[in-house]
Amino acid sequence: MPIYEFKCADCGVYTSIFTRSINSPIEASCRKCGSVKLERALSKFAHHRSEADILRDYGSDPKRLEDYKDPRQIGRWAERKFDEYGMEMPKEAKQMIDAAREGEFPDPVKDL
């Protein structure tokens, strides 16, 4: 079932049209203004990336993709990086990491 996308020449809104097959006739109209002056648009597409691709591109620490959702793992990674660069971690960051280890997550990561 192909999906065709069109851009309305009158209002600029994109409209997706589903068809049963490639040979099906397309009777498209704008979903916003109803115009039939539509131009074919390039469709968006997804690009699948494997866990190995992500880890290769963004570093091997943490080791598993799920670890990126765990604030405790991210805290260990941040501590290692500060040590590697010979820098002292800011006090506020250290406090947030310690709180996360105790189960008290900062607001930005509570819903992960």
PDB file of N, CA and C in Angstrom:
ATOM      1  N   MET A   1       0.845  -1.182   0.000  1.00  0.00           N
ATOM      2  CA  MET A   1       0.000   0.000   0.000  1.00  0.00           C
ATOM      3  C   MET A   1       0.886   1.240   0.000  1.00  0.00           C
ATOM      4  N   PRO A   2       1.069   1.834  -1.158  1.00  0.00           N
ATOM      5  CA  PRO A   2       1.907   3.034  -1.236  1.00  0.00           C
ATOM      6  C   PRO A   2       1.256   4.243  -0.567  1.00  0.00           C
ATOM      7  N   ILE A   3       2.095   5.107  -0.073  1.00  0.00           N
ATOM      8  CA  ILE A   3       1.664   6.379   0.497  1.00  0.00           C
ATOM      9  C   ILE A   3       2.315   7.475  -0.330  1.00  0.00           C
ATOM     10  N   TYR A   4       1.494   8.346  -0.882  1.00  0.00           N
ATOM     11  CA  TYR A   4       1.997   9.460  -1.665  1.00  0.00           C
ATOM     12  C   TYR A   4       1.783  10.740  -0.877  1.00  0.00           C
ATOM     13  N   GLU A   5       2.744  11.653  -0.961  1.00  0.00           N
ATOM     14  CA  GLU A   5       2.613  12.925  -0.268  1.00  0.00           C
ATOM     15  C   GLU A   5       2.571  14.060  -1.283  1.00  0.00           C
ATOM     16  N   PHE A   6       1.699  15.008  -0.988  1.00  0.00           N
ATOM     17  CA  PHE A   6       1.507  16.159  -1.855  1.00  0.00           C
ATOM     18  C   PHE A   6       1.559  17.432  -1.027  1.00  0.00           C
ATOM     19  N   LYS A   7       1.989  18.521  -1.671  1.00  0.00           N
ATOM     20  CA  LYS A   7       1.974  19.840  -1.040  1.00  0.00           C
ATOM     21  C   LYS A   7       0.961  20.693  -1.777  1.00  0.00           C
ATOM     22  N   CYS A   8       0.093  21.314  -1.020  1.00  0.00           N
ATOM     23  CA  CYS A   8      -0.956  22.152  -1.601  1.00  0.00           C
ATOM     24  C   CYS A   8      -0.348  23.445  -2.147  1.00  0.00           C
ATOM     25  N   ALA A   9      -0.660  23.772  -3.396  1.00  0.00           N
ATOM     26  CA  ALA A   9      -0.158  24.992  -4.024  1.00  0.00           C
ATOM     27  C   ALA A   9      -0.841  26.240  -3.452  1.00  0.00           C
ATOM     28  N   ASP A  10      -2.043  26.070  -2.859  1.00  0.00           N
ATOM     29  CA  ASP A  10      -2.775  27.219  -2.314  1.00  0.00           C
ATOM     30  C   ASP A  10      -2.370  27.558  -0.883  1.00  0.00           C
ATOM     31  N   CYS A  11      -2.321  26.549   0.007  1.00  0.00           N
ATOM     32  CA  CYS A  11      -2.064  26.844   1.425  1.00  0.00           C
ATOM     33  C   CYS A  11      -0.740  26.275   1.944  1.00  0.00           C
ATOM     34  N   GLY A  12      -0.070  25.419   1.163  1.00  0.00           N
ATOM     35  CA  GLY A  12       1.236  24.907   1.556  1.00  0.00           C
ATOM     36  C   GLY A  12       1.224  23.721   2.505  1.00  0.00           C
ATOM     37  N   VAL A  13       0.056  23.199   2.845  1.00  0.00           N
ATOM     38  CA  VAL A  13      -0.050  22.063   3.771  1.00  0.00           C
ATOM     39  C   VAL A  13       0.259  20.765   3.030  1.00  0.00           C
ATOM     40  N   TYR A  14       0.947  19.859   3.718  1.00  0.00           N
ATOM     41  CA  TYR A  14       1.247  18.547   3.142  1.00  0.00           C
ATOM     42  C   TYR A  14       0.110  17.579   3.446  1.00  0.00           C
ATOM     43  N   THR A  15      -0.230  16.766   2.463  1.00  0.00           N
ATOM     44  CA  THR A  15      -1.298  15.777   2.597  1.00  0.00           C
ATOM     45  C   THR A  15      -0.764  14.421   2.146  1.00  0.00           C
ATOM     46  N   SER A  16      -1.037  13.387   2.939  1.00  0.00           N
ATOM     47  CA  SER A  16      -0.633  12.023   2.584  1.00  0.00           C
ATOM     48  C   SER A  16      -1.839  11.290   2.024  1.00  0.00           C
ATOM     49  N   ILE A  17      -1.631  10.562   0.933  1.00  0.00           N
ATOM     50  CA  ILE A  17      -2.696   9.800   0.290  1.00  0.00           C
ATOM     51  C   ILE A  17      -2.284   8.329   0.262  1.00  0.00           C
ATOM     52  N   PHE A  18      -3.127   7.472   0.831  1.00  0.00           N
ATOM     53  CA  PHE A  18      -2.896   6.033   0.835  1.00  0.00           C
ATOM     54  C   PHE A  18      -3.626   5.416  -0.361  1.00  0.00           C
ATOM     55  N   THR A  19      -2.966   4.515  -1.051  1.00  0.00           N
ATOM     56  CA  THR A  19      -3.612   3.827  -2.172  1.00  0.00           C
ATOM     57  C   THR A  19      -3.455   2.317  -1.991  1.00  0.00           C
ATOM     58  N   ARG A  20      -4.327   1.553  -2.653  1.00  0.00           N
ATOM     59  CA  ARG A  20      -4.275   0.091  -2.551  1.00  0.00           C
ATOM     60  C   ARG A  20      -3.096  -0.504  -3.306  1.00  0.00           C
ATOM     61  N   SER A  21      -2.728   0.121  -4.422  1.00  0.00           N
ATOM     62  CA  SER A  21      -1.603  -0.377  -5.206  1.00  0.00           C
ATOM     63  C   SER A  21      -0.994   0.776  -5.983  1.00  0.00           C
ATOM     64  N   ILE A  22       0.136   0.500  -6.588  1.00  0.00           N
ATOM     65  CA  ILE A  22       0.827   1.525  -7.369  1.00  0.00           C
ATOM     66  C   ILE A  22      -0.017   1.969  -8.560  1.00  0.00           C
ATOM     67  N   ASN A  23      -0.831   1.063  -9.097  1.00  0.00           N
ATOM     68  CA  ASN A  23      -1.643   1.362 -10.280  1.00  0.00           C
ATOM     69  C   ASN A  23      -2.978   2.017  -9.961  1.00  0.00           C
ATOM     70  N   SER A  24      -3.308   2.171  -8.681  1.00  0.00           N
ATOM     71  CA  SER A  24      -4.586   2.790  -8.310  1.00  0.00           C
ATOM     72  C   SER A  24      -4.601   4.261  -8.703  1.00  0.00           C
ATOM     73  N   PRO A  25      -5.733   4.743  -9.169  1.00  0.00           N
ATOM     74  CA  PRO A  25      -5.825   6.177  -9.493  1.00  0.00           C
ATOM     75  C   PRO A  25      -5.768   7.010  -8.208  1.00  0.00           C
ATOM     76  N   ILE A  26      -5.139   8.171  -8.307  1.00  0.00           N
ATOM     77  CA  ILE A  26      -4.994   9.042  -7.137  1.00  0.00           C
ATOM     78  C   ILE A  26      -5.901  10.245  -7.313  1.00  0.00           C
ATOM     79  N   GLU A  27      -6.871  10.364  -6.428  1.00  0.00           N
ATOM     80  CA  GLU A  27      -7.765  11.521  -6.414  1.00  0.00           C
ATOM     81  C   GLU A  27      -7.490  12.276  -5.125  1.00  0.00           C
ATOM     82  N   ALA A  28      -6.544  13.178  -5.192  1.00  0.00           N
ATOM     83  CA  ALA A  28      -6.090  13.862  -3.989  1.00  0.00           C
ATOM     84  C   ALA A  28      -6.645  15.270  -3.891  1.00  0.00           C
ATOM     85  N   SER A  29      -6.919  15.667  -2.648  1.00  0.00           N
ATOM     86  CA  SER A  29      -7.291  17.046  -2.359  1.00  0.00           C
ATOM     87  C   SER A  29      -6.673  17.418  -1.016  1.00  0.00           C
ATOM     88  N   CYS A  30      -6.448  18.699  -0.829  1.00  0.00           N
ATOM     89  CA  CYS A  30      -5.809  19.189   0.386  1.00  0.00           C
ATOM     90  C   CYS A  30      -6.690  18.904   1.603  1.00  0.00           C
ATOM     91  N   ARG A  31      -6.102  18.381   2.649  1.00  0.00           N
ATOM     92  CA  ARG A  31      -6.870  18.067   3.867  1.00  0.00           C
ATOM     93  C   ARG A  31      -7.264  19.315   4.640  1.00  0.00           C
ATOM     94  N   LYS A  32      -6.602  20.454   4.342  1.00  0.00           N
ATOM     95  CA  LYS A  32      -6.925  21.684   5.067  1.00  0.00           C
ATOM     96  C   LYS A  32      -7.929  22.549   4.307  1.00  0.00           C
ATOM     97  N   CYS A  33      -7.604  22.859   3.042  1.00  0.00           N
ATOM     98  CA  CYS A  33      -8.452  23.809   2.310  1.00  0.00           C
ATOM     99  C   CYS A  33      -9.300  23.154   1.215  1.00  0.00           C
ATOM    100  N   GLY A  34      -9.045  21.884   0.920  1.00  0.00           N
ATOM    101  CA  GLY A  34      -9.833  21.181  -0.083  1.00  0.00           C
ATOM    102  C   GLY A  34      -9.389  21.397  -1.516  1.00  0.00           C
ATOM    103  N   SER A  35      -8.354  22.176  -1.729  1.00  0.00           N
ATOM    104  CA  SER A  35      -7.864  22.449  -3.084  1.00  0.00           C
ATOM    105  C   SER A  35      -7.365  21.169  -3.750  1.00  0.00           C
ATOM    106  N   VAL A  36      -7.491  21.139  -5.076  1.00  0.00           N
ATOM    107  CA  VAL A  36      -6.962  20.001  -5.838  1.00  0.00           C
ATOM    108  C   VAL A  36      -5.658  20.384  -6.542  1.00  0.00           C
ATOM    109  N   LYS A  37      -5.160  21.595  -6.289  1.00  0.00           N
ATOM    110  CA  LYS A  37      -3.886  22.030  -6.866  1.00  0.00           C
ATOM    111  C   LYS A  37      -2.756  21.531  -5.960  1.00  0.00           C
ATOM    112  N   LEU A  38      -2.386  20.261  -6.172  1.00  0.00           N
ATOM    113  CA  LEU A  38      -1.362  19.639  -5.347  1.00  0.00           C
ATOM    114  C   LEU A  38      -0.146  19.291  -6.184  1.00  0.00           C
ATOM    115  N   GLU A  39       1.014  19.379  -5.571  1.00  0.00           N
ATOM    116  CA  GLU A  39       2.269  19.004  -6.213  1.00  0.00           C
ATOM    117  C   GLU A  39       2.865  17.838  -5.444  1.00  0.00           C
ATOM    118  N   ARG A  40       3.406  16.848  -6.165  1.00  0.00           N
ATOM    119  CA  ARG A  40       4.049  15.716  -5.495  1.00  0.00           C
ATOM    120  C   ARG A  40       5.204  16.227  -4.645  1.00  0.00           C
ATOM    121  N   ALA A  41       5.329  15.666  -3.466  1.00  0.00           N
ATOM    122  CA  ALA A  41       6.410  16.037  -2.551  1.00  0.00           C
ATOM    123  C   ALA A  41       7.250  14.802  -2.253  1.00  0.00           C
ATOM    124  N   LEU A  42       8.496  15.016  -1.920  1.00  0.00           N
ATOM    125  CA  LEU A  42       9.339  13.903  -1.512  1.00  0.00           C
ATOM    126  C   LEU A  42       8.886  13.432  -0.132  1.00  0.00           C
ATOM    127  N   SER A  43       8.719  12.144   0.012  1.00  0.00           N
ATOM    128  CA  SER A  43       8.282  11.576   1.284  1.00  0.00           C
ATOM    129  C   SER A  43       9.456  11.455   2.238  1.00  0.00           C
ATOM    130  N   LYS A  44       9.165  11.595   3.532  1.00  0.00           N
ATOM    131  CA  LYS A  44      10.169  11.357   4.556  1.00  0.00           C
ATOM    132  C   LYS A  44      10.369   9.853   4.666  1.00  0.00           C
ATOM    133  N   PHE A  45      11.533   9.461   5.134  1.00  0.00           N
ATOM    134  CA  PHE A  45      11.783   8.038   5.302  1.00  0.00           C
ATOM    135  C   PHE A  45      12.592   7.828   6.573  1.00  0.00           C
ATOM    136  N   ALA A  46      12.557   6.631   7.070  1.00  0.00           N
ATOM    137  CA  ALA A  46      13.286   6.278   8.280  1.00  0.00           C
ATOM    138  C   ALA A  46      14.555   5.528   7.901  1.00  0.00           C
ATOM    139  N   HIS A  47      15.550   5.679   8.702  1.00  0.00           N
ATOM    140  CA  HIS A  47      16.806   4.965   8.500  1.00  0.00           C
ATOM    141  C   HIS A  47      17.074   4.161   9.758  1.00  0.00           C
ATOM    142  N   HIS A  48      17.065   2.849   9.639  1.00  0.00           N
ATOM    143  CA  HIS A  48      17.278   1.987  10.799  1.00  0.00           C
ATOM    144  C   HIS A  48      18.747   1.965  11.171  1.00  0.00           C
ATOM    145  N   ARG A  49      19.011   2.136  12.457  1.00  0.00           N
ATOM    146  CA  ARG A  49      20.370   2.041  12.961  1.00  0.00           C
ATOM    147  C   ARG A  49      20.403   0.957  14.016  1.00  0.00           C
ATOM    148  N   SER A  50      21.354   0.086  13.902  1.00  0.00           N
ATOM    149  CA  SER A  50      21.474  -1.001  14.870  1.00  0.00           C
ATOM    150  C   SER A  50      22.113  -0.475  16.155  1.00  0.00           C
ATOM    151  N   GLU A  51      22.007  -1.270  17.194  1.00  0.00           N
ATOM    152  CA  GLU A  51      22.637  -0.912  18.460  1.00  0.00           C
ATOM    153  C   GLU A  51      24.147  -0.753  18.265  1.00  0.00           C
ATOM    154  N   ALA A  52      24.742  -1.625  17.463  1.00  0.00           N
ATOM    155  CA  ALA A  52      26.186  -1.538  17.204  1.00  0.00           C
ATOM    156  C   ALA A  52      26.545  -0.222  16.512  1.00  0.00           C
ATOM    157  N   ASP A  53      25.705   0.234  15.567  1.00  0.00           N
ATOM    158  CA  ASP A  53      25.951   1.507  14.893  1.00  0.00           C
ATOM    159  C   ASP A  53      25.919   2.663  15.875  1.00  0.00           C
ATOM    160  N   ILE A  54      24.938   2.664  16.756  1.00  0.00           N
ATOM    161  CA  ILE A  54      24.794   3.749  17.732  1.00  0.00           C
ATOM    162  C   ILE A  54      25.976   3.762  18.683  1.00  0.00           C
ATOM    163  N   LEU A  55      26.348   2.601  19.196  1.00  0.00           N
ATOM    164  CA  LEU A  55      27.476   2.538  20.119  1.00  0.00           C
ATOM    165  C   LEU A  55      28.779   2.933  19.431  1.00  0.00           C
ATOM    166  N   ARG A  56      28.942   2.567  18.153  1.00  0.00           N
ATOM    167  CA  ARG A  56      30.143   2.939  17.409  1.00  0.00           C
ATOM    168  C   ARG A  56      30.212   4.462  17.238  1.00  0.00           C
ATOM    169  N   ASP A  57      29.078   5.079  16.934  1.00  0.00           N
ATOM    170  CA  ASP A  57      29.059   6.517  16.668  1.00  0.00           C
ATOM    171  C   ASP A  57      29.119   7.375  17.923  1.00  0.00           C
ATOM    172  N   TYR A  58      28.557   6.871  19.037  1.00  0.00           N
ATOM    173  CA  TYR A  58      28.454   7.686  20.247  1.00  0.00           C
ATOM    174  C   TYR A  58      29.288   7.170  21.399  1.00  0.00           C
ATOM    175  N   GLY A  59      30.143   6.212  21.143  1.00  0.00           N
ATOM    176  CA  GLY A  59      31.021   5.712  22.190  1.00  0.00           C
ATOM    177  C   GLY A  59      30.535   4.393  22.745  1.00  0.00           C
ATOM    178  N   SER A  60      31.468   3.646  23.287  1.00  0.00           N
ATOM    179  CA  SER A  60      31.135   2.313  23.778  1.00  0.00           C
ATOM    180  C   SER A  60      30.789   2.302  25.254  1.00  0.00           C
ATOM    181  N   ASP A  61      30.872   3.402  25.941  1.00  0.00           N
ATOM    182  CA  ASP A  61      30.455   3.468  27.347  1.00  0.00           C
ATOM    183  C   ASP A  61      29.216   4.299  27.419  1.00  0.00           C
ATOM    184  N   PRO A  62      28.187   3.874  27.965  1.00  0.00           N
ATOM    185  CA  PRO A  62      27.796   2.580  28.496  1.00  0.00           C
ATOM    186  C   PRO A  62      27.774   1.497  27.409  1.00  0.00           C
ATOM    187  N   LYS A  63      27.763   0.246  27.836  1.00  0.00           N
ATOM    188  CA  LYS A  63      27.919  -0.885  26.933  1.00  0.00           C
ATOM    189  C   LYS A  63      26.643  -1.271  26.199  1.00  0.00           C
ATOM    190  N   ARG A  64      25.484  -1.077  26.812  1.00  0.00           N
ATOM    191  CA  ARG A  64      24.231  -1.479  26.177  1.00  0.00           C
ATOM    192  C   ARG A  64      23.390  -0.249  25.881  1.00  0.00           C
ATOM    193  N   LEU A  65      22.565  -0.339  24.857  1.00  0.00           N
ATOM    194  CA  LEU A  65      21.718   0.779  24.474  1.00  0.00           C
ATOM    195  C   LEU A  65      20.788   1.187  25.615  1.00  0.00           C
ATOM    196  N   GLU A  66      20.280   0.213  26.375  1.00  0.00           N
ATOM    197  CA  GLU A  66      19.374   0.518  27.491  1.00  0.00           C
ATOM    198  C   GLU A  66      20.063   1.353  28.570  1.00  0.00           C
ATOM    199  N   ASP A  67      21.403   1.257  28.650  1.00  0.00           N
ATOM    200  CA  ASP A  67      22.131   1.985  29.683  1.00  0.00           C
ATOM    201  C   ASP A  67      22.024   3.491  29.515  1.00  0.00           C
ATOM    202  N   TYR A  68      21.759   3.946  28.289  1.00  0.00           N
ATOM    203  CA  TYR A  68      21.640   5.375  28.071  1.00  0.00           C
ATOM    204  C   TYR A  68      20.386   5.951  28.720  1.00  0.00           C
ATOM    205  N   LYS A  69      19.446   5.092  29.120  1.00  0.00           N
ATOM    206  CA  LYS A  69      18.230   5.552  29.775  1.00  0.00           C
ATOM    207  C   LYS A  69      18.376   5.537  31.294  1.00  0.00           C
ATOM    208  N   ASP A  70      19.483   5.032  31.811  1.00  0.00           N
ATOM    209  CA  ASP A  70      19.697   4.892  33.250  1.00  0.00           C
ATOM    210  C   ASP A  70      20.592   6.025  33.751  1.00  0.00           C
ATOM    211  N   PRO A  71      20.047   6.969  34.527  1.00  0.00           N
ATOM    212  CA  PRO A  71      20.849   8.102  35.011  1.00  0.00           C
ATOM    213  C   PRO A  71      22.056   7.659  35.833  1.00  0.00           C
ATOM    214  N   ARG A  72      21.965   6.510  36.515  1.00  0.00           N
ATOM    215  CA  ARG A  72      23.109   6.039  37.303  1.00  0.00           C
ATOM    216  C   ARG A  72      24.266   5.668  36.390  1.00  0.00           C
ATOM    217  N   GLN A  73      23.960   5.016  35.273  1.00  0.00           N
ATOM    218  CA  GLN A  73      25.001   4.637  34.319  1.00  0.00           C
ATOM    219  C   GLN A  73      25.619   5.883  33.687  1.00  0.00           C
ATOM    220  N   ILE A  74      24.786   6.829  33.371  1.00  0.00           N
ATOM    221  CA  ILE A  74      25.283   8.073  32.784  1.00  0.00           C
ATOM    222  C   ILE A  74      26.182   8.791  33.788  1.00  0.00           C
ATOM    223  N   GLY A  75      25.835   8.723  35.064  1.00  0.00           N
ATOM    224  CA  GLY A  75      26.674   9.326  36.109  1.00  0.00           C
ATOM    225  C   GLY A  75      28.043   8.686  36.172  1.00  0.00           C
ATOM    226  N   ARG A  76      28.120   7.359  36.093  1.00  0.00           N
ATOM    227  CA  ARG A  76      29.419   6.673  36.104  1.00  0.00           C
ATOM    228  C   ARG A  76      30.239   7.084  34.891  1.00  0.00           C
ATOM    229  N   TRP A  77      29.574   7.170  33.737  1.00  0.00           N
ATOM    230  CA  TRP A  77      30.262   7.579  32.515  1.00  0.00           C
ATOM    231  C   TRP A  77      30.815   8.999  32.674  1.00  0.00           C
ATOM    232  N   ALA A  78      29.994   9.915  33.210  1.00  0.00           N
ATOM    233  CA  ALA A  78      30.430  11.303  33.384  1.00  0.00           C
ATOM    234  C   ALA A  78      31.622  11.378  34.342  1.00  0.00           C
ATOM    235  N   GLU A  79      31.579  10.620  35.429  1.00  0.00           N
ATOM    236  CA  GLU A  79      32.704  10.621  36.369  1.00  0.00           C
ATOM    237  C   GLU A  79      33.988  10.126  35.706  1.00  0.00           C
ATOM    238  N   ARG A  80      33.891   9.053  34.919  1.00  0.00           N
ATOM    239  CA  ARG A  80      35.070   8.536  34.217  1.00  0.00           C
ATOM    240  C   ARG A  80      35.634   9.578  33.250  1.00  0.00           C
ATOM    241  N   LYS A  81      34.739  10.264  32.530  1.00  0.00           N
ATOM    242  CA  LYS A  81      35.204  11.258  31.561  1.00  0.00           C
ATOM    243  C   LYS A  81      35.913  12.422  32.253  1.00  0.00           C
ATOM    244  N   PHE A  82      35.364  12.895  33.372  1.00  0.00           N
ATOM    245  CA  PHE A  82      36.033  13.975  34.100  1.00  0.00           C
ATOM    246  C   PHE A  82      37.408  13.509  34.574  1.00  0.00           C
ATOM    247  N   ASP A  83      37.516  12.250  35.048  1.00  0.00           N
ATOM    248  CA  ASP A  83      38.811  11.711  35.471  1.00  0.00           C
ATOM    249  C   ASP A  83      39.779  11.624  34.295  1.00  0.00           C
ATOM    250  N   GLU A  84      39.296  11.137  33.144  1.00  0.00           N
ATOM    251  CA  GLU A  84      40.153  11.004  31.962  1.00  0.00           C
ATOM    252  C   GLU A  84      40.744  12.344  31.543  1.00  0.00           C
ATOM    253  N   TYR A  85      39.954  13.406  31.645  1.00  0.00           N
ATOM    254  CA  TYR A  85      40.413  14.721  31.222  1.00  0.00           C
ATOM    255  C   TYR A  85      41.121  15.486  32.336  1.00  0.00           C
ATOM    256  N   GLY A  86      41.213  14.856  33.514  1.00  0.00           N
ATOM    257  CA  GLY A  86      41.898  15.498  34.627  1.00  0.00           C
ATOM    258  C   GLY A  86      41.189  16.730  35.135  1.00  0.00           C
ATOM    259  N   MET A  87      39.885  16.725  35.038  1.00  0.00           N
ATOM    260  CA  MET A  87      39.092  17.872  35.478  1.00  0.00           C
ATOM    261  C   MET A  87      38.297  17.509  36.722  1.00  0.00           C
ATOM    262  N   GLU A  88      37.991  18.508  37.521  1.00  0.00           N
ATOM    263  CA  GLU A  88      37.157  18.286  38.696  1.00  0.00           C
ATOM    264  C   GLU A  88      35.692  18.467  38.304  1.00  0.00           C
ATOM    265  N   MET A  89      34.868  17.502  38.694  1.00  0.00           N
ATOM    266  CA  MET A  89      33.447  17.569  38.373  1.00  0.00           C
ATOM    267  C   MET A  89      32.790  18.669  39.201  1.00  0.00           C
ATOM    268  N   PRO A  90      31.929  19.477  38.596  1.00  0.00           N
ATOM    269  CA  PRO A  90      31.222  20.516  39.363  1.00  0.00           C
ATOM    270  C   PRO A  90      30.431  19.899  40.525  1.00  0.00           C
ATOM    271  N   LYS A  91      30.387  20.622  41.624  1.00  0.00           N
ATOM    272  CA  LYS A  91      29.728  20.140  42.844  1.00  0.00           C
ATOM    273  C   LYS A  91      28.268  19.777  42.579  1.00  0.00           C
ATOM    274  N   GLU A  92      27.552  20.616  41.802  1.00  0.00           N
ATOM    275  CA  GLU A  92      26.130  20.369  41.533  1.00  0.00           C
ATOM    276  C   GLU A  92      25.938  19.063  40.762  1.00  0.00           C
ATOM    277  N   ALA A  93      26.820  18.790  39.809  1.00  0.00           N
ATOM    278  CA  ALA A  93      26.724  17.555  39.025  1.00  0.00           C
ATOM    279  C   ALA A  93      26.961  16.350  39.910  1.00  0.00           C
ATOM    280  N   LYS A  94      27.961  16.424  40.780  1.00  0.00           N
ATOM    281  CA  LYS A  94      28.262  15.327  41.702  1.00  0.00           C
ATOM    282  C   LYS A  94      27.073  15.067  42.630  1.00  0.00           C
ATOM    283  N   GLN A  95      26.436  16.125  43.104  1.00  0.00           N
ATOM    284  CA  GLN A  95      25.267  15.968  43.981  1.00  0.00           C
ATOM    285  C   GLN A  95      24.128  15.277  43.244  1.00  0.00           C
ATOM    286  N   MET A  96      23.879  15.642  41.991  1.00  0.00           N
ATOM    287  CA  MET A  96      22.806  14.998  41.218  1.00  0.00           C
ATOM    288  C   MET A  96      23.111  13.530  40.971  1.00  0.00           C
ATOM    289  N   ILE A  97      24.374  13.214  40.688  1.00  0.00           N
ATOM    290  CA  ILE A  97      24.750  11.818  40.457  1.00  0.00           C
ATOM    291  C   ILE A  97      24.571  11.006  41.738  1.00  0.00           C
ATOM    292  N   ASP A  98      25.016  11.552  42.869  1.00  0.00           N
ATOM    293  CA  ASP A  98      24.856  10.845  44.144  1.00  0.00           C
ATOM    294  C   ASP A  98      23.386  10.653  44.490  1.00  0.00           C
ATOM    295  N   ALA A  99      22.561  11.660  44.221  1.00  0.00           N
ATOM    296  CA  ALA A  99      21.121  11.548  44.493  1.00  0.00           C
ATOM    297  C   ALA A  99      20.498  10.474  43.602  1.00  0.00           C
ATOM    298  N   ALA A 100      20.922  10.389  42.345  1.00  0.00           N
ATOM    299  CA  ALA A 100      20.391   9.377  41.432  1.00  0.00           C
ATOM    300  C   ALA A 100      20.752   7.976  41.917  1.00  0.00           C
ATOM    301  N   ARG A 101      21.941   7.826  42.473  1.00  0.00           N
ATOM    302  CA  ARG A 101      22.342   6.520  43.011  1.00  0.00           C
ATOM    303  C   ARG A 101      21.463   6.102  44.185  1.00  0.00           C
ATOM    304  N   GLU A 102      20.929   7.073  44.877  1.00  0.00           N
ATOM    305  CA  GLU A 102      20.029   6.790  46.006  1.00  0.00           C
ATOM    306  C   GLU A 102      18.575   6.661  45.553  1.00  0.00           C
ATOM    307  N   GLY A 103      18.336   6.824  44.241  1.00  0.00           N
ATOM    308  CA  GLY A 103      16.988   6.681  43.708  1.00  0.00           C
ATOM    309  C   GLY A 103      16.230   7.981  43.555  1.00  0.00           C
ATOM    310  N   GLU A 104      16.864   9.101  43.824  1.00  0.00           N
ATOM    311  CA  GLU A 104      16.221  10.413  43.701  1.00  0.00           C
ATOM    312  C   GLU A 104      16.738  11.082  42.437  1.00  0.00           C
ATOM    313  N   PHE A 105      15.957  10.984  41.359  1.00  0.00           N
ATOM    314  CA  PHE A 105      16.397  11.494  40.069  1.00  0.00           C
ATOM    315  C   PHE A 105      16.052  12.960  39.918  1.00  0.00           C
ATOM    316  N   PRO A 106      16.907  13.720  39.222  1.00  0.00           N
ATOM    317  CA  PRO A 106      16.575  15.122  38.931  1.00  0.00           C
ATOM    318  C   PRO A 106      15.379  15.227  38.007  1.00  0.00           C
ATOM    319  N   ASP A 107      14.693  16.352  38.037  1.00  0.00           N
ATOM    320  CA  ASP A 107      13.476  16.536  37.241  1.00  0.00           C
ATOM    321  C   ASP A 107      13.615  16.170  35.761  1.00  0.00           C
ATOM    322  N   PRO A 108      14.711  16.561  35.075  1.00  0.00           N
ATOM    323  CA  PRO A 108      14.779  16.253  33.642  1.00  0.00           C
ATOM    324  C   PRO A 108      14.776  14.760  33.310  1.00  0.00           C
ATOM    325  N   VAL A 109      15.121  13.891  34.248  1.00  0.00           N
ATOM    326  CA  VAL A 109      15.205  12.466  33.926  1.00  0.00           C
ATOM    327  C   VAL A 109      14.218  11.599  34.704  1.00  0.00           C
ATOM    328  N   LYS A 110      13.351  12.193  35.479  1.00  0.00           N
ATOM    329  CA  LYS A 110      12.407  11.409  36.290  1.00  0.00           C
ATOM    330  C   LYS A 110      11.490  10.539  35.450  1.00  0.00           C
ATOM    331  N   ASP A 111      11.095  11.007  34.266  1.00  0.00           N
ATOM    332  CA  ASP A 111      10.121  10.282  33.448  1.00  0.00           C
ATOM    333  C   ASP A 111      10.746   9.342  32.430  1.00  0.00           C
ATOM    334  N   LEU A 112      12.058   9.157  32.441  1.00  0.00           N
ATOM    335  CA  LEU A 112      12.701   8.271  31.455  1.00  0.00           C
ATOM    336  C   LEU A 112      12.377   6.824  31.727  1.00  0.00           C
TER     337      LEU A 112
END
